Structures are given as C-alpha cells and as structure tokens.
Amino acid sequence: MASKTINGKAFEFALLNEFLNRLSAITTVTVIENEPYKTAKKCFNSFNEDEHGQYSLVSSFAVNLLSGTKITEPD
C-alpha cells in the first residue's frame, strides 16, 4: 500500500475515534468493524505512539472545525 494511502487511512481511523469520543458523550454510538474499519485500524496501528498523538490532535482540530466549535490559541 502506498504511503499516502496508509497516512489517509490512519487519519480516517483517528477521525472515527474522535467522532466516537465526542458523540458517545451525548448519544449511543456503534462502530461497525468491517473490512474498511480493519484496514484503517491496521494503518493507524502501523505508526508509533507519538504519531498516534499527532493524528489524534489533528483529527480533534478537524472535528472542531466540522462541528463549528470555536478554536482559540492557547495563552
């Protein structure tokens, strides 16, 4: 699999996790662990913990943007 594809799938998985975390706080959410899910998870898990953190941070920003949550600079 090409590195751009692996990066994209890893980001998809990080986005899914961020949406899951946010939505689970307000409703019941079920993730269907089908083949695309397994592929994205495998790609995400191919990175180390530091990279997981980067993917999680960027996906959090993306979810904030998509949900209309205001993003502010830290003081």
PDB file of N, CA and C in Angstrom:
ATOM      1  N   MET A   1       0.845  -1.169   0.000  1.00  0.00           N
ATOM      2  CA  MET A   1       0.000   0.000   0.000  1.00  0.00           C
ATOM      3  C   MET A   1       0.896   1.239   0.000  1.00  0.00           C
ATOM      4  N   ALA A   2       0.534   2.230  -0.782  1.00  0.00           N
ATOM      5  CA  ALA A   2       1.318   3.464  -0.893  1.00  0.00           C
ATOM      6  C   ALA A   2       1.264   4.257   0.414  1.00  0.00           C
ATOM      7  N   SER A   3       2.341   4.997   0.696  1.00  0.00           N
ATOM      8  CA  SER A   3       2.427   5.729   1.961  1.00  0.00           C
ATOM      9  C   SER A   3       1.322   6.776   2.106  1.00  0.00           C
ATOM     10  N   LYS A   4       0.915   7.407   1.023  1.00  0.00           N
ATOM     11  CA  LYS A   4      -0.186   8.382   1.097  1.00  0.00           C
ATOM     12  C   LYS A   4      -1.488   7.690   1.485  1.00  0.00           C
ATOM     13  N   THR A   5      -1.686   6.501   0.985  1.00  0.00           N
ATOM     14  CA  THR A   5      -2.882   5.734   1.324  1.00  0.00           C
ATOM     15  C   THR A   5      -2.846   5.335   2.791  1.00  0.00           C
ATOM     16  N   ILE A   6      -1.698   4.876   3.265  1.00  0.00           N
ATOM     17  CA  ILE A   6      -1.554   4.489   4.673  1.00  0.00           C
ATOM     18  C   ILE A   6      -1.817   5.689   5.573  1.00  0.00           C
ATOM     19  N   ASN A   7      -1.247   6.839   5.225  1.00  0.00           N
ATOM     20  CA  ASN A   7      -1.480   8.061   6.006  1.00  0.00           C
ATOM     21  C   ASN A   7      -2.956   8.443   6.006  1.00  0.00           C
ATOM     22  N   GLY A   8      -3.587   8.365   4.860  1.00  0.00           N
ATOM     23  CA  GLY A   8      -5.007   8.710   4.749  1.00  0.00           C
ATOM     24  C   GLY A   8      -5.887   7.793   5.562  1.00  0.00           C
ATOM     25  N   LYS A   9      -5.619   6.496   5.487  1.00  0.00           N
ATOM     26  CA  LYS A   9      -6.401   5.527   6.258  1.00  0.00           C
ATOM     27  C   LYS A   9      -6.180   5.718   7.753  1.00  0.00           C
ATOM     28  N   ALA A  10      -4.949   6.015   8.148  1.00  0.00           N
ATOM     29  CA  ALA A  10      -4.653   6.260   9.564  1.00  0.00           C
ATOM     30  C   ALA A  10      -5.416   7.491  10.044  1.00  0.00           C
ATOM     31  N   PHE A  11      -5.469   8.527   9.220  1.00  0.00           N
ATOM     32  CA  PHE A  11      -6.216   9.728   9.579  1.00  0.00           C
ATOM     33  C   PHE A  11      -7.710   9.431   9.659  1.00  0.00           C
ATOM     34  N   GLU A  12      -8.228   8.619   8.746  1.00  0.00           N
ATOM     35  CA  GLU A  12      -9.636   8.209   8.807  1.00  0.00           C
ATOM     36  C   GLU A  12      -9.936   7.545  10.149  1.00  0.00           C
ATOM     37  N   PHE A  13      -9.042   6.672  10.582  1.00  0.00           N
ATOM     38  CA  PHE A  13      -9.247   5.972  11.852  1.00  0.00           C
ATOM     39  C   PHE A  13      -9.207   6.949  13.019  1.00  0.00           C
ATOM     40  N   ALA A  14      -8.278   7.885  12.989  1.00  0.00           N
ATOM     41  CA  ALA A  14      -8.190   8.893  14.056  1.00  0.00           C
ATOM     42  C   ALA A  14      -9.448   9.756  14.079  1.00  0.00           C
ATOM     43  N   LEU A  15      -9.963  10.125  12.914  1.00  0.00           N
ATOM     44  CA  LEU A  15     -11.212  10.894  12.844  1.00  0.00           C
ATOM     45  C   LEU A  15     -12.379  10.101  13.417  1.00  0.00           C
ATOM     46  N   LEU A  16     -12.456   8.846  13.049  1.00  0.00           N
ATOM     47  CA  LEU A  16     -13.516   7.999  13.583  1.00  0.00           C
ATOM     48  C   LEU A  16     -13.463   7.974  15.104  1.00  0.00           C
ATOM     49  N   ASN A  17     -12.274   7.799  15.660  1.00  0.00           N
ATOM     50  CA  ASN A  17     -12.138   7.761  17.113  1.00  0.00           C
ATOM     51  C   ASN A  17     -12.545   9.078  17.756  1.00  0.00           C
ATOM     52  N   GLU A  18     -12.186  10.182  17.131  1.00  0.00           N
ATOM     53  CA  GLU A  18     -12.548  11.492  17.677  1.00  0.00           C
ATOM     54  C   GLU A  18     -14.054  11.695  17.626  1.00  0.00           C
ATOM     55  N   PHE A  19     -14.680  11.374  16.508  1.00  0.00           N
ATOM     56  CA  PHE A  19     -16.137  11.466  16.423  1.00  0.00           C
ATOM     57  C   PHE A  19     -16.792  10.534  17.444  1.00  0.00           C
ATOM     58  N   LEU A  20     -16.263   9.338  17.578  1.00  0.00           N
ATOM     59  CA  LEU A  20     -16.801   8.384  18.543  1.00  0.00           C
ATOM     60  C   LEU A  20     -16.730   8.938  19.962  1.00  0.00           C
ATOM     61  N   ASN A  21     -15.596   9.503  20.331  1.00  0.00           N
ATOM     62  CA  ASN A  21     -15.447  10.083  21.669  1.00  0.00           C
ATOM     63  C   ASN A  21     -16.443  11.213  21.900  1.00  0.00           C
ATOM     64  N   ARG A  22     -16.588  12.077  20.926  1.00  0.00           N
ATOM     65  CA  ARG A  22     -17.484  13.231  21.076  1.00  0.00           C
ATOM     66  C   ARG A  22     -18.945  12.803  21.118  1.00  0.00           C
ATOM     67  N   LEU A  23     -19.321  11.921  20.204  1.00  0.00           N
ATOM     68  CA  LEU A  23     -20.720  11.525  20.117  1.00  0.00           C
ATOM     69  C   LEU A  23     -21.147  10.611  21.256  1.00  0.00           C
ATOM     70  N   SER A  24     -20.224   9.795  21.745  1.00  0.00           N
ATOM     71  CA  SER A  24     -20.549   8.889  22.853  1.00  0.00           C
ATOM     72  C   SER A  24     -20.957   9.646  24.107  1.00  0.00           C
ATOM     73  N   ALA A  25     -20.514  10.886  24.220  1.00  0.00           N
ATOM     74  CA  ALA A  25     -20.866  11.705  25.378  1.00  0.00           C
ATOM     75  C   ALA A  25     -22.331  12.148  25.347  1.00  0.00           C
ATOM     76  N   ILE A  26     -22.941  12.124  24.161  1.00  0.00           N
ATOM     77  CA  ILE A  26     -24.306  12.631  24.052  1.00  0.00           C
ATOM     78  C   ILE A  26     -25.320  11.626  23.510  1.00  0.00           C
ATOM     79  N   THR A  27     -24.838  10.501  22.977  1.00  0.00           N
ATOM     80  CA  THR A  27     -25.758   9.522  22.401  1.00  0.00           C
ATOM     81  C   THR A  27     -25.086   8.151  22.343  1.00  0.00           C
ATOM     82  N   THR A  28     -25.841   7.163  21.973  1.00  0.00           N
ATOM     83  CA  THR A  28     -25.303   5.814  21.795  1.00  0.00           C
ATOM     84  C   THR A  28     -24.734   5.694  20.384  1.00  0.00           C
ATOM     85  N   VAL A  29     -23.505   5.228  20.309  1.00  0.00           N
ATOM     86  CA  VAL A  29     -22.821   5.105  19.022  1.00  0.00           C
ATOM     87  C   VAL A  29     -22.306   3.683  18.870  1.00  0.00           C
ATOM     88  N   THR A  30     -22.472   3.140  17.681  1.00  0.00           N
ATOM     89  CA  THR A  30     -21.943   1.823  17.373  1.00  0.00           C
ATOM     90  C   THR A  30     -21.046   1.920  16.144  1.00  0.00           C
ATOM     91  N   VAL A  31     -19.865   1.354  16.251  1.00  0.00           N
ATOM     92  CA  VAL A  31     -18.952   1.308  15.115  1.00  0.00           C
ATOM     93  C   VAL A  31     -19.000  -0.104  14.548  1.00  0.00           C
ATOM     94  N   ILE A  32     -19.237  -0.194  13.262  1.00  0.00           N
ATOM     95  CA  ILE A  32     -19.259  -1.495  12.590  1.00  0.00           C
ATOM     96  C   ILE A  32     -17.827  -1.817  12.173  1.00  0.00           C
ATOM     97  N   GLU A  33     -17.294  -2.865  12.729  1.00  0.00           N
ATOM     98  CA  GLU A  33     -15.902  -3.225  12.480  1.00  0.00           C
ATOM     99  C   GLU A  33     -15.795  -4.116  11.236  1.00  0.00           C
ATOM    100  N   ASN A  34     -16.057  -3.497  10.077  1.00  0.00           N
ATOM    101  CA  ASN A  34     -15.991  -4.199   8.798  1.00  0.00           C
ATOM    102  C   ASN A  34     -14.574  -4.122   8.223  1.00  0.00           C
ATOM    103  N   GLU A  35     -14.407  -4.567   6.998  1.00  0.00           N
ATOM    104  CA  GLU A  35     -13.067  -4.585   6.384  1.00  0.00           C
ATOM    105  C   GLU A  35     -12.452  -3.195   6.245  1.00  0.00           C
ATOM    106  N   PRO A  36     -13.198  -2.170   5.797  1.00  0.00           N
ATOM    107  CA  PRO A  36     -12.597  -0.832   5.751  1.00  0.00           C
ATOM    108  C   PRO A  36     -12.137  -0.349   7.131  1.00  0.00           C
ATOM    109  N   TYR A  37     -12.915  -0.653   8.166  1.00  0.00           N
ATOM    110  CA  TYR A  37     -12.522  -0.301   9.530  1.00  0.00           C
ATOM    111  C   TYR A  37     -11.209  -1.001   9.897  1.00  0.00           C
ATOM    112  N   LYS A  38     -11.143  -2.295   9.615  1.00  0.00           N
ATOM    113  CA  LYS A  38      -9.941  -3.071   9.957  1.00  0.00           C
ATOM    114  C   LYS A  38      -8.715  -2.559   9.203  1.00  0.00           C
ATOM    115  N   THR A  39      -8.913  -2.176   7.941  1.00  0.00           N
ATOM    116  CA  THR A  39      -7.800  -1.629   7.154  1.00  0.00           C
ATOM    117  C   THR A  39      -7.312  -0.310   7.747  1.00  0.00           C
ATOM    118  N   ALA A  40      -8.247   0.582   8.080  1.00  0.00           N
ATOM    119  CA  ALA A  40      -7.876   1.876   8.656  1.00  0.00           C
ATOM    120  C   ALA A  40      -7.187   1.684  10.007  1.00  0.00           C
ATOM    121  N   LYS A  41      -7.690   0.771  10.815  1.00  0.00           N
ATOM    122  CA  LYS A  41      -7.090   0.500  12.126  1.00  0.00           C
ATOM    123  C   LYS A  41      -5.672  -0.050  11.969  1.00  0.00           C
ATOM    124  N   LYS A  42      -5.487  -0.951  11.026  1.00  0.00           N
ATOM    125  CA  LYS A  42      -4.164  -1.521  10.770  1.00  0.00           C
ATOM    126  C   LYS A  42      -3.179  -0.431  10.345  1.00  0.00           C
ATOM    127  N   CYS A  43      -3.634   0.472   9.485  1.00  0.00           N
ATOM    128  CA  CYS A  43      -2.770   1.578   9.047  1.00  0.00           C
ATOM    129  C   CYS A  43      -2.431   2.484  10.224  1.00  0.00           C
ATOM    130  N   PHE A  44      -3.420   2.829  11.037  1.00  0.00           N
ATOM    131  CA  PHE A  44      -3.190   3.668  12.211  1.00  0.00           C
ATOM    132  C   PHE A  44      -2.195   3.004  13.153  1.00  0.00           C
ATOM    133  N   ASN A  45      -2.380   1.721  13.384  1.00  0.00           N
ATOM    134  CA  ASN A  45      -1.508   0.986  14.316  1.00  0.00           C
ATOM    135  C   ASN A  45      -0.104   0.764  13.775  1.00  0.00           C
ATOM    136  N   SER A  46       0.115   1.065  12.495  1.00  0.00           N
ATOM    137  CA  SER A  46       1.460   0.913  11.937  1.00  0.00           C
ATOM    138  C   SER A  46       2.373   2.070  12.366  1.00  0.00           C
ATOM    139  N   PHE A  47       1.799   3.090  12.992  1.00  0.00           N
ATOM    140  CA  PHE A  47       2.564   4.233  13.473  1.00  0.00           C
ATOM    141  C   PHE A  47       2.847   4.095  14.965  1.00  0.00           C
ATOM    142  N   ASN A  48       3.849   4.837  15.448  1.00  0.00           N
ATOM    143  CA  ASN A  48       4.195   4.770  16.867  1.00  0.00           C
ATOM    144  C   ASN A  48       3.293   5.693  17.695  1.00  0.00           C
ATOM    145  N   GLU A  49       3.458   5.661  19.021  1.00  0.00           N
ATOM    146  CA  GLU A  49       2.588   6.412  19.921  1.00  0.00           C
ATOM    147  C   GLU A  49       2.657   7.922  19.690  1.00  0.00           C
ATOM    148  N   ASP A  50       3.838   8.447  19.403  1.00  0.00           N
ATOM    149  CA  ASP A  50       3.962   9.879  19.124  1.00  0.00           C
ATOM    150  C   ASP A  50       3.142  10.266  17.893  1.00  0.00           C
ATOM    151  N   GLU A  51       3.224   9.444  16.873  1.00  0.00           N
ATOM    152  CA  GLU A  51       2.465   9.707  15.654  1.00  0.00           C
ATOM    153  C   GLU A  51       0.967   9.541  15.903  1.00  0.00           C
ATOM    154  N   HIS A  52       0.581   8.585  16.760  1.00  0.00           N
ATOM    155  CA  HIS A  52      -0.832   8.444  17.141  1.00  0.00           C
ATOM    156  C   HIS A  52      -1.317   9.751  17.754  1.00  0.00           C
ATOM    157  N   GLY A  53      -0.494  10.334  18.624  1.00  0.00           N
ATOM    158  CA  GLY A  53      -0.851  11.595  19.254  1.00  0.00           C
ATOM    159  C   GLY A  53      -1.030  12.715  18.241  1.00  0.00           C
ATOM    160  N   GLN A  54      -0.167  12.746  17.232  1.00  0.00           N
ATOM    161  CA  GLN A  54      -0.282  13.768  16.189  1.00  0.00           C
ATOM    162  C   GLN A  54      -1.565  13.575  15.383  1.00  0.00           C
ATOM    163  N   TYR A  55      -1.852  12.338  15.019  1.00  0.00           N
ATOM    164  CA  TYR A  55      -3.086  12.056  14.290  1.00  0.00           C
ATOM    165  C   TYR A  55      -4.301  12.433  15.138  1.00  0.00           C
ATOM    166  N   SER A  56      -4.266  12.122  16.410  1.00  0.00           N
ATOM    167  CA  SER A  56      -5.384  12.439  17.300  1.00  0.00           C
ATOM    168  C   SER A  56      -5.568  13.944  17.439  1.00  0.00           C
ATOM    169  N   LEU A  57      -4.490  14.672  17.563  1.00  0.00           N
ATOM    170  CA  LEU A  57      -4.567  16.125  17.682  1.00  0.00           C
ATOM    171  C   LEU A  57      -5.161  16.751  16.421  1.00  0.00           C
ATOM    172  N   VAL A  58      -4.662  16.341  15.280  1.00  0.00           N
ATOM    173  CA  VAL A  58      -5.153  16.900  14.019  1.00  0.00           C
ATOM    174  C   VAL A  58      -6.611  16.507  13.778  1.00  0.00           C
ATOM    175  N   SER A  59      -6.975  15.281  14.135  1.00  0.00           N
ATOM    176  CA  SER A  59      -8.368  14.874  13.953  1.00  0.00           C
ATOM    177  C   SER A  59      -9.282  15.643  14.896  1.00  0.00           C
ATOM    178  N   SER A  60      -8.798  15.977  16.089  1.00  0.00           N
ATOM    179  CA  SER A  60      -9.582  16.791  17.015  1.00  0.00           C
ATOM    180  C   SER A  60      -9.834  18.176  16.423  1.00  0.00           C
ATOM    181  N   PHE A  61      -8.796  18.772  15.837  1.00  0.00           N
ATOM    182  CA  PHE A  61      -8.971  20.060  15.167  1.00  0.00           C
ATOM    183  C   PHE A  61      -9.995  19.951  14.036  1.00  0.00           C
ATOM    184  N   ALA A  62      -9.910  18.877  13.263  1.00  0.00           N
ATOM    185  CA  ALA A  62     -10.826  18.692  12.135  1.00  0.00           C
ATOM    186  C   ALA A  62     -12.264  18.553  12.623  1.00  0.00           C
ATOM    187  N   VAL A  63     -12.478  17.794  13.671  1.00  0.00           N
ATOM    188  CA  VAL A  63     -13.829  17.619  14.213  1.00  0.00           C
ATOM    189  C   VAL A  63     -14.341  18.951  14.766  1.00  0.00           C
ATOM    190  N   ASN A  64     -13.471  19.707  15.431  1.00  0.00           N
ATOM    191  CA  ASN A  64     -13.873  21.039  15.908  1.00  0.00           C
ATOM    192  C   ASN A  64     -14.314  21.912  14.746  1.00  0.00           C
ATOM    193  N   LEU A  65     -13.547  21.891  13.680  1.00  0.00           N
ATOM    194  CA  LEU A  65     -13.870  22.697  12.510  1.00  0.00           C
ATOM    195  C   LEU A  65     -15.199  22.255  11.897  1.00  0.00           C
ATOM    196  N   LEU A  66     -15.371  20.963  11.749  1.00  0.00           N
ATOM    197  CA  LEU A  66     -16.590  20.437  11.134  1.00  0.00           C
ATOM    198  C   LEU A  66     -17.825  20.657  12.003  1.00  0.00           C
ATOM    199  N   SER A  67     -17.619  20.669  13.316  1.00  0.00           N
ATOM    200  CA  SER A  67     -18.759  20.830  14.220  1.00  0.00           C
ATOM    201  C   SER A  67     -19.038  22.297  14.531  1.00  0.00           C
ATOM    202  N   GLY A  68     -18.194  23.188  14.043  1.00  0.00           N
ATOM    203  CA  GLY A  68     -18.397  24.609  14.266  1.00  0.00           C
ATOM    204  C   GLY A  68     -17.921  25.097  15.607  1.00  0.00           C
ATOM    205  N   THR A  69     -17.144  24.285  16.333  1.00  0.00           N
ATOM    206  CA  THR A  69     -16.617  24.685  17.610  1.00  0.00           C
ATOM    207  C   THR A  69     -15.485  25.696  17.390  1.00  0.00           C
ATOM    208  N   LYS A  70     -15.529  26.775  18.140  1.00  0.00           N
ATOM    209  CA  LYS A  70     -14.512  27.801  18.001  1.00  0.00           C
ATOM    210  C   LYS A  70     -13.177  27.299  18.540  1.00  0.00           C
ATOM    211  N   ILE A  71     -12.129  27.475  17.746  1.00  0.00           N
ATOM    212  CA  ILE A  71     -10.790  27.080  18.142  1.00  0.00           C
ATOM    213  C   ILE A  71     -10.037  28.341  18.532  1.00  0.00           C
ATOM    214  N   THR A  72      -9.463  28.358  19.714  1.00  0.00           N
ATOM    215  CA  THR A  72      -8.720  29.531  20.167  1.00  0.00           C
ATOM    216  C   THR A  72      -7.277  29.160  20.388  1.00  0.00           C
ATOM    217  N   GLU A  73      -6.415  30.162  20.265  1.00  0.00           N
ATOM    218  CA  GLU A  73      -4.986  29.973  20.521  1.00  0.00           C
ATOM    219  C   GLU A  73      -4.766  29.877  22.019  1.00  0.00           C
ATOM    220  N   PRO A  74      -3.855  29.003  22.464  1.00  0.00           N
ATOM    221  CA  PRO A  74      -3.536  28.954  23.888  1.00  0.00           C
ATOM    222  C   PRO A  74      -2.855  30.248  24.321  1.00  0.00           C
ATOM    223  N   ASP A  75      -3.067  30.630  25.581  1.00  0.00           N
ATOM    224  CA  ASP A  75      -2.437  31.855  26.115  1.00  0.00           C
ATOM    225  C   ASP A  75      -0.962  31.675  26.332  1.00  0.00           C
TER     226      ASP A  75
END
